[in-house]
Amino acid sequence: MPHSISVFRKEVLPFIAMFAMLILAAIAGDALLHRLQLVWVGRYLGIPGTLLILASFAYSMRKRKMIASGNPKTLLSLHEFMTWLGSVMILVHAGVHFNAILPWLAIVGMLVNVASGLTGKFLLDRSRRHMAAMKESLLRRGMHEDEVEKELFWNAAAVDAMKKWRALHIPITLAFAVFALGHILSIFLFWNWK
């Protein structure tokens, strides 16, 4: 094990912590609503949660030049915050109060999508910077280039695997969108409109 901090401790653990905070925030929100006897509020949190997630796509639209306004860095920060908060609201909305398969598929799709997005945020960008800093540090200590490559081999392999996350994030997002849309349409179809 290298003397420097490994990619796992520096990059993977914050990712796990952020995902755990998402789950814990949803559990705490649901528990609070139950404690205050406001469980009915959770039933409607899916609407603002979904709207937040939809609004967060301004970043994706700006990135693909579908819209021209907005600072990409600011839009990325908003995208991350709004999808995280929207996901918490949807998880509180879902709780454990549904029986149908479609809502469960939508929730699983959303959680996988959040994990995929967090992979890009926490792991890929930060890991690249961390690897460059580790390499520079080892070279400054006088290690030969070959020794540095051997020392960093497993960390470099992990970073290379993470580079493929975008190829998965978009189809995961589409799957989540299909499940969520199916859930929303089924609500409208089976809603008691009387």
C-alpha atoms as a PDB file:
ATOM      1  CA  MET A   1       0.000   0.000   0.000  1.00  0.00           C
ATOM      2  CA  PRO A   2       1.486   3.377  -0.928  1.00  0.00           C
ATOM      3  CA  HIS A   3       2.263   5.790   1.872  1.00  0.00           C
ATOM      4  CA  SER A   4       0.086   8.443   0.301  1.00  0.00           C
ATOM      5  CA  ILE A   5      -3.675   8.447   0.666  1.00  0.00           C
ATOM      6  CA  SER A   6      -5.254   5.913  -1.693  1.00  0.00           C
ATOM      7  CA  VAL A   7      -7.855   6.775  -4.308  1.00  0.00           C
ATOM      8  CA  PHE A   8     -10.340   4.651  -2.379  1.00  0.00           C
ATOM      9  CA  ARG A   9     -10.056   6.638   0.850  1.00  0.00           C
ATOM     10  CA  LYS A  10      -9.840  10.022  -0.830  1.00  0.00           C
ATOM     11  CA  GLU A  11     -12.428   9.567  -3.580  1.00  0.00           C
ATOM     12  CA  VAL A  12     -14.661   6.517  -3.052  1.00  0.00           C
ATOM     13  CA  LEU A  13     -15.493   7.099   0.613  1.00  0.00           C
ATOM     14  CA  PRO A  14     -16.870  10.642  -0.017  1.00  0.00           C
ATOM     15  CA  PHE A  15     -19.039   9.140  -2.787  1.00  0.00           C
ATOM     16  CA  ILE A  16     -20.404   6.518  -0.386  1.00  0.00           C
ATOM     17  CA  ALA A  17     -20.960   9.195   2.269  1.00  0.00           C
ATOM     18  CA  MET A  18     -22.961  11.396  -0.151  1.00  0.00           C
ATOM     19  CA  PHE A  19     -25.121   8.460  -1.230  1.00  0.00           C
ATOM     20  CA  ALA A  20     -25.637   7.436   2.411  1.00  0.00           C
ATOM     21  CA  MET A  21     -26.643  11.037   3.235  1.00  0.00           C
ATOM     22  CA  LEU A  22     -29.288  10.818   0.508  1.00  0.00           C
ATOM     23  CA  ILE A  23     -30.774   7.679   2.047  1.00  0.00           C
ATOM     24  CA  LEU A  24     -30.500   8.994   5.614  1.00  0.00           C
ATOM     25  CA  ALA A  25     -32.109  12.329   4.646  1.00  0.00           C
ATOM     26  CA  ALA A  26     -35.032  10.434   3.108  1.00  0.00           C
ATOM     27  CA  ILE A  27     -35.409   8.215   6.189  1.00  0.00           C
ATOM     28  CA  ALA A  28     -35.226  11.252   8.492  1.00  0.00           C
ATOM     29  CA  GLY A  29     -37.759  13.159   6.380  1.00  0.00           C
ATOM     30  CA  ASP A  30     -40.164  10.223   6.368  1.00  0.00           C
ATOM     31  CA  ALA A  31     -39.710   9.710  10.122  1.00  0.00           C
ATOM     32  CA  LEU A  32     -40.341  13.411  10.766  1.00  0.00           C
ATOM     33  CA  LEU A  33     -43.560  13.352   8.753  1.00  0.00           C
ATOM     34  CA  HIS A  34     -44.707  10.274  10.685  1.00  0.00           C
ATOM     35  CA  ARG A  35     -43.780  11.868  14.021  1.00  0.00           C
ATOM     36  CA  LEU A  36     -45.688  15.060  13.159  1.00  0.00           C
ATOM     37  CA  GLN A  37     -48.598  12.962  11.842  1.00  0.00           C
ATOM     38  CA  LEU A  38     -48.181  14.560   8.419  1.00  0.00           C
ATOM     39  CA  VAL A  39     -47.711  11.355   6.426  1.00  0.00           C
ATOM     40  CA  TRP A  40     -50.125  12.688   3.790  1.00  0.00           C
ATOM     41  CA  VAL A  41     -47.553  15.406   2.883  1.00  0.00           C
ATOM     42  CA  GLY A  42     -45.138  12.702   1.721  1.00  0.00           C
ATOM     43  CA  ARG A  43     -47.698  11.515  -0.783  1.00  0.00           C
ATOM     44  CA  TYR A  44     -47.371  14.813  -2.650  1.00  0.00           C
ATOM     45  CA  LEU A  45     -43.579  15.295  -2.373  1.00  0.00           C
ATOM     46  CA  GLY A  46     -43.147  13.311  -5.575  1.00  0.00           C
ATOM     47  CA  ILE A  47     -44.451  16.278  -7.571  1.00  0.00           C
ATOM     48  CA  PRO A  48     -41.910  18.920  -6.457  1.00  0.00           C
ATOM     49  CA  GLY A  49     -39.199  16.241  -6.426  1.00  0.00           C
ATOM     50  CA  THR A  50     -39.913  15.380 -10.043  1.00  0.00           C
ATOM     51  CA  LEU A  51     -40.063  19.066 -11.007  1.00  0.00           C
ATOM     52  CA  LEU A  52     -36.665  19.680  -9.382  1.00  0.00           C
ATOM     53  CA  ILE A  53     -35.141  16.787 -11.291  1.00  0.00           C
ATOM     54  CA  LEU A  54     -36.681  18.003 -14.560  1.00  0.00           C
ATOM     55  CA  ALA A  55     -35.400  21.560 -13.942  1.00  0.00           C
ATOM     56  CA  SER A  56     -31.920  20.164 -13.329  1.00  0.00           C
ATOM     57  CA  PHE A  57     -31.756  19.061 -16.961  1.00  0.00           C
ATOM     58  CA  ALA A  58     -30.974  22.673 -17.900  1.00  0.00           C
ATOM     59  CA  TYR A  59     -27.344  21.656 -17.324  1.00  0.00           C
ATOM     60  CA  SER A  60     -27.579  18.769 -19.800  1.00  0.00           C
ATOM     61  CA  MET A  61     -29.331  20.992 -22.331  1.00  0.00           C
ATOM     62  CA  ARG A  62     -26.645  23.679 -21.955  1.00  0.00           C
ATOM     63  CA  LYS A  63     -23.872  21.092 -22.241  1.00  0.00           C
ATOM     64  CA  ARG A  64     -25.367  19.804 -25.505  1.00  0.00           C
ATOM     65  CA  LYS A  65     -25.893  23.387 -26.775  1.00  0.00           C
ATOM     66  CA  MET A  66     -29.693  23.016 -26.833  1.00  0.00           C
ATOM     67  CA  ILE A  67     -29.873  26.243 -24.838  1.00  0.00           C
ATOM     68  CA  ALA A  68     -27.357  29.084 -24.892  1.00  0.00           C
ATOM     69  CA  SER A  69     -27.951  30.803 -21.562  1.00  0.00           C
ATOM     70  CA  GLY A  70     -26.456  29.950 -18.222  1.00  0.00           C
ATOM     71  CA  ASN A  71     -22.972  29.380 -16.892  1.00  0.00           C
ATOM     72  CA  PRO A  72     -22.153  25.656 -17.304  1.00  0.00           C
ATOM     73  CA  LYS A  73     -20.349  25.474 -13.951  1.00  0.00           C
ATOM     74  CA  THR A  74     -23.281  27.091 -12.130  1.00  0.00           C
ATOM     75  CA  LEU A  75     -25.748  24.878 -13.985  1.00  0.00           C
ATOM     76  CA  LEU A  76     -23.727  21.791 -13.005  1.00  0.00           C
ATOM     77  CA  SER A  77     -23.855  22.806  -9.339  1.00  0.00           C
ATOM     78  CA  LEU A  78     -27.604  23.398  -9.622  1.00  0.00           C
ATOM     79  CA  HIS A  79     -28.018  20.064 -11.439  1.00  0.00           C
ATOM     80  CA  GLU A  80     -26.243  18.224  -8.624  1.00  0.00           C
ATOM     81  CA  PHE A  81     -28.170  20.011  -5.855  1.00  0.00           C
ATOM     82  CA  MET A  82     -31.594  19.812  -7.504  1.00  0.00           C
ATOM     83  CA  THR A  83     -31.290  16.130  -8.419  1.00  0.00           C
ATOM     84  CA  TRP A  84     -30.092  15.296  -4.892  1.00  0.00           C
ATOM     85  CA  LEU A  85     -32.920  17.251  -3.223  1.00  0.00           C
ATOM     86  CA  GLY A  86     -35.487  16.010  -5.749  1.00  0.00           C
ATOM     87  CA  SER A  87     -34.356  12.436  -5.118  1.00  0.00           C
ATOM     88  CA  VAL A  88     -34.739  12.894  -1.354  1.00  0.00           C
ATOM     89  CA  MET A  89     -38.263  14.221  -1.875  1.00  0.00           C
ATOM     90  CA  ILE A  90     -39.157  11.311  -4.149  1.00  0.00           C
ATOM     91  CA  LEU A  91     -37.728   8.792  -1.670  1.00  0.00           C
ATOM     92  CA  VAL A  92     -39.814  10.357   1.120  1.00  0.00           C
ATOM     93  CA  HIS A  93     -42.786  10.243  -1.247  1.00  0.00           C
ATOM     94  CA  ALA A  94     -42.160   6.572  -1.905  1.00  0.00           C
ATOM     95  CA  GLY A  95     -41.382   5.538   1.647  1.00  0.00           C
ATOM     96  CA  VAL A  96     -42.448   1.934   1.885  1.00  0.00           C
ATOM     97  CA  HIS A  97     -46.077   2.723   1.159  1.00  0.00           C
ATOM     98  CA  PHE A  98     -46.553   1.332  -2.335  1.00  0.00           C
ATOM     99  CA  ASN A  99     -47.340  -2.149  -3.558  1.00  0.00           C
ATOM    100  CA  ALA A 100     -47.032  -1.982  -7.344  1.00  0.00           C
ATOM    101  CA  ILE A 101     -43.938  -2.996  -9.302  1.00  0.00           C
ATOM    102  CA  LEU A 102     -43.710   0.167 -11.425  1.00  0.00           C
ATOM    103  CA  PRO A 103     -43.037   2.560  -8.502  1.00  0.00           C
ATOM    104  CA  TRP A 104     -40.390   0.175  -7.164  1.00  0.00           C
ATOM    105  CA  LEU A 105     -38.728   0.067 -10.597  1.00  0.00           C
ATOM    106  CA  ALA A 106     -38.816   3.883 -10.756  1.00  0.00           C
ATOM    107  CA  ILE A 107     -37.193   4.155  -7.307  1.00  0.00           C
ATOM    108  CA  VAL A 108     -34.503   1.601  -8.130  1.00  0.00           C
ATOM    109  CA  GLY A 109     -33.875   3.364 -11.451  1.00  0.00           C
ATOM    110  CA  MET A 110     -33.603   6.708  -9.668  1.00  0.00           C
ATOM    111  CA  LEU A 111     -31.161   5.357  -7.067  1.00  0.00           C
ATOM    112  CA  VAL A 112     -28.994   3.761  -9.749  1.00  0.00           C
ATOM    113  CA  ASN A 113     -29.125   7.023 -11.704  1.00  0.00           C
ATOM    114  CA  VAL A 114     -28.083   9.047  -8.638  1.00  0.00           C
ATOM    115  CA  ALA A 115     -25.231   6.623  -7.984  1.00  0.00           C
ATOM    116  CA  SER A 116     -24.160   6.951 -11.620  1.00  0.00           C
ATOM    117  CA  GLY A 117     -24.208  10.752 -11.411  1.00  0.00           C
ATOM    118  CA  LEU A 118     -22.271  10.739  -8.167  1.00  0.00           C
ATOM    119  CA  THR A 119     -19.700   8.501  -9.842  1.00  0.00           C
ATOM    120  CA  GLY A 120     -18.957  11.254 -12.305  1.00  0.00           C
ATOM    121  CA  LYS A 121     -18.956  13.969  -9.683  1.00  0.00           C
ATOM    122  CA  PHE A 122     -16.898  12.374  -6.952  1.00  0.00           C
ATOM    123  CA  LEU A 123     -14.865   9.680  -8.516  1.00  0.00           C
ATOM    124  CA  LEU A 124     -13.766  10.589 -11.991  1.00  0.00           C
ATOM    125  CA  ASP A 125     -12.824  14.263 -11.751  1.00  0.00           C
ATOM    126  CA  ARG A 126     -11.292  14.109  -8.310  1.00  0.00           C
ATOM    127  CA  SER A 127      -9.515  10.831  -9.001  1.00  0.00           C
ATOM    128  CA  ARG A 128      -7.791  12.296 -12.041  1.00  0.00           C
ATOM    129  CA  ARG A 129      -6.507  15.227  -9.980  1.00  0.00           C
ATOM    130  CA  HIS A 130      -5.479  12.923  -7.145  1.00  0.00           C
ATOM    131  CA  MET A 131      -3.569  10.617  -9.501  1.00  0.00           C
ATOM    132  CA  ALA A 132      -1.716  13.557 -11.070  1.00  0.00           C
ATOM    133  CA  ALA A 133      -0.766  14.865  -7.622  1.00  0.00           C
ATOM    134  CA  MET A 134       0.402  11.418  -6.479  1.00  0.00           C
ATOM    135  CA  LYS A 135       2.515  10.983  -9.606  1.00  0.00           C
ATOM    136  CA  GLU A 136       4.067  14.421  -9.195  1.00  0.00           C
ATOM    137  CA  SER A 137       4.813  13.744  -5.523  1.00  0.00           C
ATOM    138  CA  LEU A 138       6.474  10.406  -6.241  1.00  0.00           C
ATOM    139  CA  LEU A 139       8.569  11.898  -9.044  1.00  0.00           C
ATOM    140  CA  ARG A 140       9.665  14.759  -6.768  1.00  0.00           C
ATOM    141  CA  ARG A 141      10.800  12.188  -4.201  1.00  0.00           C
ATOM    142  CA  GLY A 142      13.155  10.849  -6.835  1.00  0.00           C
ATOM    143  CA  MET A 143      11.305   7.718  -7.915  1.00  0.00           C
ATOM    144  CA  HIS A 144      12.016   6.546 -11.432  1.00  0.00           C
ATOM    145  CA  GLU A 145       9.113   6.751 -13.946  1.00  0.00           C
ATOM    146  CA  ASP A 146       8.816   2.924 -14.079  1.00  0.00           C
ATOM    147  CA  GLU A 147       8.612   2.680 -10.285  1.00  0.00           C
ATOM    148  CA  VAL A 148       5.945   5.390 -10.222  1.00  0.00           C
ATOM    149  CA  GLU A 149       3.871   3.503 -12.797  1.00  0.00           C
ATOM    150  CA  LYS A 150       4.104   0.308 -10.715  1.00  0.00           C
ATOM    151  CA  GLU A 151       3.230   2.191  -7.512  1.00  0.00           C
ATOM    152  CA  LEU A 152       0.153   3.766  -9.130  1.00  0.00           C
ATOM    153  CA  PHE A 153      -0.961   0.779 -11.251  1.00  0.00           C
ATOM    154  CA  TRP A 154      -4.092  -0.202  -9.280  1.00  0.00           C
ATOM    155  CA  ASN A 155      -5.175   3.397  -8.759  1.00  0.00           C
ATOM    156  CA  ALA A 156      -4.720   4.050 -12.484  1.00  0.00           C
ATOM    157  CA  ALA A 157      -6.779   0.944 -13.316  1.00  0.00           C
ATOM    158  CA  ALA A 158      -9.572   2.215 -11.063  1.00  0.00           C
ATOM    159  CA  VAL A 159      -9.536   5.635 -12.753  1.00  0.00           C
ATOM    160  CA  ASP A 160      -9.640   4.024 -16.222  1.00  0.00           C
ATOM    161  CA  ALA A 161     -12.691   1.970 -15.245  1.00  0.00           C
ATOM    162  CA  MET A 162     -14.425   5.097 -13.935  1.00  0.00           C
ATOM    163  CA  LYS A 163     -13.942   6.922 -17.253  1.00  0.00           C
ATOM    164  CA  LYS A 164     -16.657   4.741 -18.772  1.00  0.00           C
ATOM    165  CA  TRP A 165     -19.372   6.105 -16.449  1.00  0.00           C
ATOM    166  CA  ARG A 166     -20.900   8.513 -19.024  1.00  0.00           C
ATOM    167  CA  ALA A 167     -21.686   5.636 -21.383  1.00  0.00           C
ATOM    168  CA  LEU A 168     -23.862   4.175 -18.614  1.00  0.00           C
ATOM    169  CA  HIS A 169     -25.289   7.360 -17.065  1.00  0.00           C
ATOM    170  CA  ILE A 170     -27.371   8.403 -20.086  1.00  0.00           C
ATOM    171  CA  PRO A 171     -29.138   5.035 -20.629  1.00  0.00           C
ATOM    172  CA  ILE A 172     -29.712   4.762 -16.863  1.00  0.00           C
ATOM    173  CA  THR A 173     -31.271   8.238 -16.912  1.00  0.00           C
ATOM    174  CA  LEU A 174     -33.524   7.197 -19.791  1.00  0.00           C
ATOM    175  CA  ALA A 175     -34.586   4.002 -18.001  1.00  0.00           C
ATOM    176  CA  PHE A 176     -35.407   5.997 -14.875  1.00  0.00           C
ATOM    177  CA  ALA A 177     -37.389   8.483 -16.986  1.00  0.00           C
ATOM    178  CA  VAL A 178     -39.423   5.676 -18.585  1.00  0.00           C
ATOM    179  CA  PHE A 179     -40.218   4.076 -15.206  1.00  0.00           C
ATOM    180  CA  ALA A 180     -41.056   7.435 -13.634  1.00  0.00           C
ATOM    181  CA  LEU A 181     -43.264   8.434 -16.569  1.00  0.00           C
ATOM    182  CA  GLY A 182     -45.017   5.066 -16.405  1.00  0.00           C
ATOM    183  CA  HIS A 183     -45.634   5.578 -12.680  1.00  0.00           C
ATOM    184  CA  ILE A 184     -46.966   9.119 -13.247  1.00  0.00           C
ATOM    185  CA  LEU A 185     -49.249   7.997 -16.093  1.00  0.00           C
ATOM    186  CA  SER A 186     -50.588   5.106 -13.997  1.00  0.00           C
ATOM    187  CA  ILE A 187     -51.407   7.571 -11.211  1.00  0.00           C
ATOM    188  CA  PHE A 188     -53.444   9.653 -13.644  1.00  0.00           C
ATOM    189  CA  LEU A 189     -55.178   6.571 -15.056  1.00  0.00           C
ATOM    190  CA  PHE A 190     -56.135   5.084 -11.713  1.00  0.00           C
ATOM    191  CA  TRP A 191     -56.683   8.292  -9.713  1.00  0.00           C
ATOM    192  CA  ASN A 192     -60.097   8.563  -8.122  1.00  0.00           C
ATOM    193  CA  TRP A 193     -61.309  11.682  -9.973  1.00  0.00           C
ATOM    194  CA  LYS A 194     -64.670  11.895  -8.216  1.00  0.00           C
END
